[in-house]
C-alpha atoms as a PDB file:
ATOM      1  CA  MET A   1     -13.579 -48.203  95.579  1.00  0.00           C
ATOM      2  CA  ILE A   2     -11.382 -50.372  93.042  1.00  0.00           C
ATOM      3  CA  LEU A   3      -8.900 -52.795  95.575  1.00  0.00           C
ATOM      4  CA  MET A   4      -6.151 -54.030  93.289  1.00  0.00           C
ATOM      5  CA  ASP A   5      -3.453 -57.082  93.428  1.00  0.00           C
ATOM      6  CA  LEU A   6      -0.602 -56.942  91.585  1.00  0.00           C
ATOM      7  CA  LYS A   7       1.690 -59.727  91.094  1.00  0.00           C
ATOM      8  CA  VAL A   8       4.715 -60.259  88.624  1.00  0.00           C
ATOM      9  CA  ILE A   9       5.304 -63.161  87.198  1.00  0.00           C
ATOM     10  CA  GLU A  10       8.422 -62.646  85.427  1.00  0.00           C
ATOM     11  CA  LYS A  11      10.971 -60.503  84.881  1.00  0.00           C
ATOM     12  CA  LYS A  12      13.379 -59.971  81.851  1.00  0.00           C
ATOM     13  CA  GLU A  13      15.970 -57.432  81.322  1.00  0.00           C
ATOM     14  CA  GLU A  14      16.261 -56.181  77.487  1.00  0.00           C
ATOM     15  CA  PRO A  15      19.891 -54.977  78.017  1.00  0.00           C
ATOM     16  CA  LEU A  16      20.137 -53.840  73.768  1.00  0.00           C
ATOM     17  CA  LEU A  17      16.966 -52.127  74.241  1.00  0.00           C
ATOM     18  CA  SER A  18      17.978 -50.256  77.917  1.00  0.00           C
ATOM     19  CA  ARG A  19      14.546 -51.770  79.558  1.00  0.00           C
ATOM     20  CA  THR A  20      12.737 -54.703  81.400  1.00  0.00           C
ATOM     21  CA  LYS A  21       9.703 -56.539  79.695  1.00  0.00           C
ATOM     22  CA  ILE A  22       7.600 -57.282  83.335  1.00  0.00           C
ATOM     23  CA  VAL A  23       4.796 -59.552  83.197  1.00  0.00           C
ATOM     24  CA  SER A  24       2.327 -59.433  85.189  1.00  0.00           C
ATOM     25  CA  GLN A  25      -0.986 -60.275  87.037  1.00  0.00           C
ATOM     26  CA  VAL A  26      -3.694 -57.705  88.050  1.00  0.00           C
ATOM     27  CA  ILE A  27      -7.012 -59.574  90.929  1.00  0.00           C
ATOM     28  CA  PHE A  28      -9.363 -56.654  90.878  1.00  0.00           C
ATOM     29  CA  ASN A  29     -12.713 -56.621  92.368  1.00  0.00           C
ATOM     30  CA  ALA A  30     -15.278 -54.213  90.021  1.00  0.00           C
ATOM     31  CA  ALA A  31     -14.318 -52.927  86.163  1.00  0.00           C
ATOM     32  CA  THR A  32     -10.693 -53.428  84.824  1.00  0.00           C
ATOM     33  CA  PRO A  33      -8.539 -50.989  86.063  1.00  0.00           C
ATOM     34  CA  SER A  34      -7.094 -48.285  83.574  1.00  0.00           C
ATOM     35  CA  GLU A  35      -3.517 -48.259  81.602  1.00  0.00           C
ATOM     36  CA  LYS A  36      -3.018 -45.526  84.322  1.00  0.00           C
ATOM     37  CA  ASP A  37      -4.210 -47.008  87.741  1.00  0.00           C
ATOM     38  CA  VAL A  38      -2.236 -50.119  86.814  1.00  0.00           C
ATOM     39  CA  LYS A  39       0.878 -47.813  85.461  1.00  0.00           C
ATOM     40  CA  SER A  40       0.719 -46.660  88.701  1.00  0.00           C
ATOM     41  CA  LYS A  41       0.525 -49.680  90.775  1.00  0.00           C
ATOM     42  CA  ILE A  42       3.413 -51.403  88.954  1.00  0.00           C
ATOM     43  CA  ALA A  43       5.488 -48.784  89.049  1.00  0.00           C
ATOM     44  CA  SER A  44       5.288 -48.348  93.228  1.00  0.00           C
ATOM     45  CA  SER A  45       6.328 -52.137  93.550  1.00  0.00           C
ATOM     46  CA  LEU A  46       9.411 -51.983  91.578  1.00  0.00           C
ATOM     47  CA  ASN A  47      10.087 -48.803  93.192  1.00  0.00           C
ATOM     48  CA  ALA A  48      10.460 -47.071  89.705  1.00  0.00           C
ATOM     49  CA  ASP A  49       9.379 -43.844  88.002  1.00  0.00           C
ATOM     50  CA  GLU A  50       5.529 -44.232  87.285  1.00  0.00           C
ATOM     51  CA  SER A  51       6.754 -41.913  83.916  1.00  0.00           C
ATOM     52  CA  LEU A  52       9.352 -44.677  82.497  1.00  0.00           C
ATOM     53  CA  VAL A  53       6.929 -47.542  82.784  1.00  0.00           C
ATOM     54  CA  VAL A  54       5.097 -48.353  79.144  1.00  0.00           C
ATOM     55  CA  ILE A  55       1.905 -50.313  80.070  1.00  0.00           C
ATOM     56  CA  LYS A  56       1.537 -52.505  75.864  1.00  0.00           C
ATOM     57  CA  SER A  57      -1.595 -54.768  77.276  1.00  0.00           C
ATOM     58  CA  ILE A  58      -4.025 -55.948  79.966  1.00  0.00           C
ATOM     59  CA  TYR A  59      -5.738 -58.555  79.257  1.00  0.00           C
ATOM     60  CA  THR A  60      -8.977 -59.742  80.742  1.00  0.00           C
ATOM     61  CA  ASN A  61     -10.524 -63.081  80.198  1.00  0.00           C
ATOM     62  CA  PHE A  62     -14.736 -62.741  80.211  1.00  0.00           C
ATOM     63  CA  GLY A  63     -15.952 -63.178  83.557  1.00  0.00           C
ATOM     64  CA  PHE A  64     -13.404 -63.220  85.436  1.00  0.00           C
ATOM     65  CA  LYS A  65     -11.473 -60.587  87.682  1.00  0.00           C
ATOM     66  CA  LYS A  66      -7.929 -60.931  86.479  1.00  0.00           C
ATOM     67  CA  ALA A  67      -5.784 -59.652  84.220  1.00  0.00           C
ATOM     68  CA  ASP A  68      -3.071 -60.351  82.680  1.00  0.00           C
ATOM     69  CA  VAL A  69      -0.760 -57.156  82.120  1.00  0.00           C
ATOM     70  CA  THR A  70       2.555 -56.474  79.782  1.00  0.00           C
ATOM     71  CA  ALA A  71       4.954 -53.725  80.541  1.00  0.00           C
ATOM     72  CA  TYR A  72       8.352 -52.251  79.612  1.00  0.00           C
ATOM     73  CA  LEU A  73      10.488 -50.482  82.505  1.00  0.00           C
ATOM     74  CA  TYR A  74      12.699 -48.005  81.082  1.00  0.00           C
ATOM     75  CA  LYS A  75      15.905 -47.336  82.526  1.00  0.00           C
ATOM     76  CA  ASP A  76      15.835 -43.371  80.966  1.00  0.00           C
ATOM     77  CA  LYS A  77      13.147 -40.729  79.273  1.00  0.00           C
ATOM     78  CA  LYS A  78      15.718 -41.056  76.441  1.00  0.00           C
ATOM     79  CA  GLU A  79      16.075 -44.194  75.489  1.00  0.00           C
ATOM     80  CA  MET A  80      11.768 -44.532  75.755  1.00  0.00           C
ATOM     81  CA  GLU A  81      11.362 -41.803  73.547  1.00  0.00           C
ATOM     82  CA  SER A  82      13.296 -43.022  71.130  1.00  0.00           C
ATOM     83  CA  ILE A  83      11.725 -46.967  71.067  1.00  0.00           C
ATOM     84  CA  GLU A  84       7.891 -46.575  71.853  1.00  0.00           C
ATOM     85  CA  ILE A  85       5.581 -45.356  69.391  1.00  0.00           C
ATOM     86  CA  LYS A  86       4.167 -42.000  69.678  1.00  0.00           C
ATOM     87  CA  PRO A  87       0.502 -41.826  69.778  1.00  0.00           C
ATOM     88  CA  LYS A  88      -1.445 -40.594  66.596  1.00  0.00           C
ATOM     89  CA  GLU A  89      -3.369 -36.999  66.621  1.00  0.00           C
ATOM     90  CA  ARG A  90      -6.683 -36.954  66.695  1.00  0.00           C
ATOM     91  CA  LYS A  91      -8.913 -35.507  63.336  1.00  0.00           C
ATOM     92  CA  ALA A  92     -10.797 -33.346  66.146  1.00  0.00           C
ATOM     93  CA  GLU A  93      -6.612 -32.426  67.778  1.00  0.00           C
ATOM     94  CA  LYS A  94      -5.329 -31.514  64.343  1.00  0.00           C
ATOM     95  CA  GLY A  95      -7.908 -28.983  63.343  1.00  0.00           C
ATOM     96  CA  ALA A  96      -7.808 -27.239  66.699  1.00  0.00           C
ATOM     97  CA  ALA A  97      -3.929 -26.785  66.244  1.00  0.00           C
ATOM     98  CA  LYS A  98      -4.564 -25.733  63.300  1.00  0.00           C
ATOM     99  CA  ALA A  99      -7.093 -23.143  63.558  1.00  0.00           C
ATOM    100  CA  GLU A 100      -5.015 -21.737  67.110  1.00  0.00           C
ATOM    101  CA  GLU A 101      -1.750 -21.581  65.044  1.00  0.00           C
ATOM    102  CA  ALA A 102      -3.858 -19.849  62.111  1.00  0.00           C
ATOM    103  CA  LYS A 103      -5.591 -16.718  64.432  1.00  0.00           C
ATOM    104  CA  GLU A 104      -1.869 -16.203  66.012  1.00  0.00           C
ATOM    105  CA  GLU A 105      -0.273 -15.262  62.542  1.00  0.00           C
ATOM    106  CA  ASN A 106      -3.758 -13.176  62.147  1.00  0.00           C
ATOM    107  CA  GLN A 107      -2.298 -11.546  64.645  1.00  0.00           C
ATOM    108  CA  LYS A 108       0.925 -11.086  64.630  1.00  0.00           C
ATOM    109  CA  GLY A 109       0.480  -9.724  60.791  1.00  0.00           C
END
């Protein structure tokens, strides 16, 4: 079981981007926690919706059981989607999607 303690170091409002920058430190007992685990921990500590939290970086120093985390908490989903960059599709996923479209097209016509 991974134990993780989160300490918020700085909260800075960025009103022009409708978000709050959160700089925090995570102390853990096993491997570096995943982005998903850190995101849920930040959301629960700030009483916020987990889908509005975006993790920008998790940096650890070799040999230490702590990590520096930079995250953003957005005011709403619309603002987040207009600012954040969407991850690119992987080639395997693109190929599967195209094959599925071609299969559907062949069945129709």
